Amino acid sequence: MANVGMGLSGLLALVPGWALPAGFAGGVFLLVAGIMHVPKKNKNAKEALATWTDLIVGVTVMVLAAYGLYRAVAG
């Protein structure tokens, strides 16, 4: 259900003003998913890929969303 919710928030990001909140929500979701995968032992290749992509994309989205927030506040 969380994946459906994040997908919907991503679609709502097309509405002006929703991109930043959707970015933060998606970034937090991916970071939490990645962090929850980290402690699992004996991951197969798919699980390892999911862990790393969740962490990398989550951090990237959070950095971009933080930059967008900074520009909105400062600009």
N, C-alpha and C. Protein backbone atom coordinates (compact mmCIF):
# COMPACT_ATOMS: atom_id res chain seq x y z
N MET A 1 0.83 -1.19 0.00
CA MET A 1 0.00 0.00 0.00
C MET A 1 0.87 1.25 0.00
N ALA A 2 2.01 1.20 0.69
CA ALA A 2 2.89 2.37 0.72
C ALA A 2 3.40 2.70 -0.68
N ASN A 3 3.69 1.67 -1.48
CA ASN A 3 4.15 1.92 -2.85
C ASN A 3 3.09 2.64 -3.67
N VAL A 4 1.84 2.25 -3.50
CA VAL A 4 0.74 2.91 -4.22
C VAL A 4 0.62 4.36 -3.75
N GLY A 5 0.73 4.58 -2.46
CA GLY A 5 0.66 5.94 -1.93
C GLY A 5 1.78 6.83 -2.44
N MET A 6 2.99 6.30 -2.49
CA MET A 6 4.12 7.08 -2.99
C MET A 6 3.97 7.34 -4.49
N GLY A 7 3.45 6.37 -5.22
CA GLY A 7 3.20 6.58 -6.64
C GLY A 7 2.17 7.67 -6.87
N LEU A 8 1.12 7.67 -6.06
CA LEU A 8 0.10 8.71 -6.17
C LEU A 8 0.67 10.07 -5.83
N SER A 9 1.49 10.13 -4.80
CA SER A 9 2.10 11.42 -4.45
C SER A 9 3.03 11.89 -5.56
N GLY A 10 3.70 10.95 -6.23
CA GLY A 10 4.54 11.32 -7.37
C GLY A 10 3.72 11.91 -8.51
N LEU A 11 2.54 11.35 -8.75
CA LEU A 11 1.66 11.91 -9.77
C LEU A 11 1.15 13.29 -9.36
N LEU A 12 0.86 13.45 -8.09
CA LEU A 12 0.39 14.76 -7.61
C LEU A 12 1.50 15.80 -7.65
N ALA A 13 2.75 15.36 -7.74
CA ALA A 13 3.86 16.31 -7.85
C ALA A 13 3.78 17.10 -9.14
N LEU A 14 2.99 16.65 -10.10
CA LEU A 14 2.79 17.40 -11.33
C LEU A 14 1.93 18.65 -11.09
N VAL A 15 1.20 18.67 -10.00
CA VAL A 15 0.38 19.84 -9.63
C VAL A 15 1.32 20.89 -9.04
N PRO A 16 1.25 22.14 -9.51
CA PRO A 16 2.13 23.17 -8.96
C PRO A 16 2.02 23.25 -7.43
N GLY A 17 3.16 23.30 -6.78
CA GLY A 17 3.19 23.40 -5.33
C GLY A 17 3.27 22.07 -4.61
N TRP A 18 3.06 20.97 -5.31
CA TRP A 18 3.08 19.67 -4.67
C TRP A 18 4.41 18.94 -4.83
N ALA A 19 5.27 19.42 -5.71
CA ALA A 19 6.51 18.70 -6.01
C ALA A 19 7.41 18.57 -4.79
N LEU A 20 7.58 19.65 -4.04
CA LEU A 20 8.47 19.62 -2.89
C LEU A 20 7.98 18.66 -1.79
N PRO A 21 6.71 18.75 -1.36
CA PRO A 21 6.24 17.79 -0.36
C PRO A 21 6.28 16.35 -0.85
N ALA A 22 5.96 16.14 -2.13
CA ALA A 22 6.01 14.78 -2.67
C ALA A 22 7.44 14.28 -2.70
N GLY A 23 8.39 15.16 -3.02
CA GLY A 23 9.80 14.78 -3.02
C GLY A 23 10.28 14.36 -1.65
N PHE A 24 9.94 15.14 -0.64
CA PHE A 24 10.33 14.76 0.72
C PHE A 24 9.69 13.45 1.14
N ALA A 25 8.40 13.28 0.84
CA ALA A 25 7.72 12.03 1.21
C ALA A 25 8.36 10.83 0.52
N GLY A 26 8.64 10.95 -0.76
CA GLY A 26 9.27 9.86 -1.50
C GLY A 26 10.67 9.58 -1.01
N GLY A 27 11.42 10.63 -0.73
CA GLY A 27 12.79 10.45 -0.23
C GLY A 27 12.83 9.75 1.12
N VAL A 28 11.96 10.17 2.02
CA VAL A 28 11.89 9.53 3.34
C VAL A 28 11.47 8.07 3.19
N PHE A 29 10.49 7.82 2.34
CA PHE A 29 10.02 6.46 2.12
C PHE A 29 11.16 5.56 1.63
N LEU A 30 11.90 6.03 0.63
CA LEU A 30 12.99 5.22 0.08
C LEU A 30 14.12 5.03 1.09
N LEU A 31 14.44 6.07 1.83
CA LEU A 31 15.50 5.93 2.85
C LEU A 31 15.11 4.92 3.93
N VAL A 32 13.88 5.00 4.39
CA VAL A 32 13.43 4.05 5.41
C VAL A 32 13.42 2.63 4.85
N ALA A 33 12.96 2.46 3.63
CA ALA A 33 12.96 1.13 3.00
C ALA A 33 14.38 0.60 2.89
N GLY A 34 15.31 1.45 2.45
CA GLY A 34 16.71 1.02 2.35
C GLY A 34 17.32 0.67 3.70
N ILE A 35 17.05 1.49 4.69
CA ILE A 35 17.58 1.24 6.03
C ILE A 35 17.03 -0.06 6.60
N MET A 36 15.77 -0.35 6.30
CA MET A 36 15.18 -1.60 6.80
C MET A 36 15.78 -2.82 6.10
N HIS A 37 16.28 -2.66 4.87
CA HIS A 37 16.92 -3.78 4.17
C HIS A 37 18.34 -4.04 4.66
N VAL A 38 19.01 -3.02 5.17
CA VAL A 38 20.44 -3.13 5.51
C VAL A 38 20.74 -4.27 6.47
N PRO A 39 20.03 -4.44 7.59
CA PRO A 39 20.45 -5.46 8.55
C PRO A 39 20.21 -6.91 8.12
N LYS A 40 19.45 -7.12 7.05
CA LYS A 40 19.16 -8.49 6.64
C LYS A 40 20.43 -9.19 6.16
N LYS A 41 20.66 -10.36 6.68
CA LYS A 41 21.83 -11.15 6.31
C LYS A 41 21.51 -12.02 5.10
N ASN A 42 22.54 -12.41 4.37
CA ASN A 42 22.43 -13.33 3.23
C ASN A 42 21.42 -12.86 2.18
N LYS A 43 21.53 -11.60 1.80
CA LYS A 43 20.65 -11.07 0.75
C LYS A 43 21.03 -11.70 -0.59
N ASN A 44 20.02 -11.96 -1.41
CA ASN A 44 20.32 -12.39 -2.77
C ASN A 44 20.61 -11.14 -3.60
N ALA A 45 20.93 -11.31 -4.87
CA ALA A 45 21.33 -10.19 -5.72
C ALA A 45 20.20 -9.16 -5.86
N LYS A 46 18.96 -9.61 -5.97
CA LYS A 46 17.84 -8.68 -6.11
C LYS A 46 17.64 -7.85 -4.84
N GLU A 47 17.77 -8.49 -3.69
CA GLU A 47 17.62 -7.76 -2.43
C GLU A 47 18.75 -6.76 -2.23
N ALA A 48 19.96 -7.15 -2.60
CA ALA A 48 21.10 -6.23 -2.48
C ALA A 48 20.90 -5.03 -3.40
N LEU A 49 20.44 -5.28 -4.62
CA LEU A 49 20.17 -4.18 -5.55
C LEU A 49 19.08 -3.27 -5.01
N ALA A 50 18.03 -3.84 -4.46
CA ALA A 50 16.93 -3.04 -3.90
C ALA A 50 17.44 -2.19 -2.74
N THR A 51 18.29 -2.76 -1.90
CA THR A 51 18.84 -2.02 -0.77
C THR A 51 19.62 -0.80 -1.26
N TRP A 52 20.55 -1.04 -2.17
CA TRP A 52 21.41 0.06 -2.65
C TRP A 52 20.63 1.09 -3.44
N THR A 53 19.70 0.67 -4.28
CA THR A 53 18.95 1.66 -5.05
C THR A 53 18.03 2.48 -4.14
N ASP A 54 17.42 1.85 -3.14
CA ASP A 54 16.60 2.60 -2.19
C ASP A 54 17.43 3.65 -1.47
N LEU A 55 18.61 3.27 -1.02
CA LEU A 55 19.46 4.21 -0.28
C LEU A 55 19.97 5.33 -1.19
N ILE A 56 20.47 4.99 -2.36
CA ILE A 56 21.04 6.00 -3.25
C ILE A 56 19.97 6.96 -3.76
N VAL A 57 18.86 6.41 -4.22
CA VAL A 57 17.79 7.27 -4.75
C VAL A 57 17.16 8.08 -3.62
N GLY A 58 16.99 7.48 -2.45
CA GLY A 58 16.43 8.20 -1.31
C GLY A 58 17.28 9.39 -0.91
N VAL A 59 18.59 9.19 -0.82
CA VAL A 59 19.49 10.30 -0.48
C VAL A 59 19.46 11.36 -1.57
N THR A 60 19.49 10.95 -2.82
CA THR A 60 19.47 11.89 -3.93
C THR A 60 18.20 12.73 -3.92
N VAL A 61 17.07 12.09 -3.74
CA VAL A 61 15.79 12.81 -3.73
C VAL A 61 15.74 13.77 -2.54
N MET A 62 16.21 13.34 -1.37
CA MET A 62 16.21 14.22 -0.20
C MET A 62 17.11 15.44 -0.40
N VAL A 63 18.28 15.23 -1.01
CA VAL A 63 19.18 16.35 -1.27
C VAL A 63 18.53 17.33 -2.24
N LEU A 64 17.94 16.81 -3.31
CA LEU A 64 17.29 17.69 -4.28
C LEU A 64 16.09 18.42 -3.66
N ALA A 65 15.32 17.73 -2.84
CA ALA A 65 14.18 18.37 -2.19
C ALA A 65 14.64 19.44 -1.20
N ALA A 66 15.72 19.16 -0.46
CA ALA A 66 16.26 20.15 0.47
C ALA A 66 16.77 21.37 -0.30
N TYR A 67 17.42 21.14 -1.42
CA TYR A 67 17.88 22.25 -2.25
C TYR A 67 16.70 23.07 -2.77
N GLY A 68 15.65 22.40 -3.20
CA GLY A 68 14.44 23.10 -3.65
C GLY A 68 13.83 23.93 -2.54
N LEU A 69 13.79 23.37 -1.34
CA LEU A 69 13.25 24.10 -0.19
C LEU A 69 14.13 25.31 0.12
N TYR A 70 15.44 25.12 0.09
CA TYR A 70 16.37 26.23 0.33
C TYR A 70 16.14 27.35 -0.68
N ARG A 71 16.01 26.99 -1.95
CA ARG A 71 15.80 28.00 -3.00
C ARG A 71 14.46 28.70 -2.83
N ALA A 72 13.45 27.96 -2.39
CA ALA A 72 12.13 28.58 -2.19
C ALA A 72 12.15 29.56 -1.03
N VAL A 73 12.86 29.21 0.02
CA VAL A 73 12.92 30.08 1.20
C VAL A 73 13.83 31.28 0.94
N ALA A 74 14.98 31.04 0.30
CA ALA A 74 15.96 32.11 0.09
C ALA A 74 15.61 32.99 -1.12
N GLY A 75 14.85 32.43 -2.05
CA GLY A 75 14.71 33.11 -3.32
C GLY A 75 13.60 34.02 -3.51
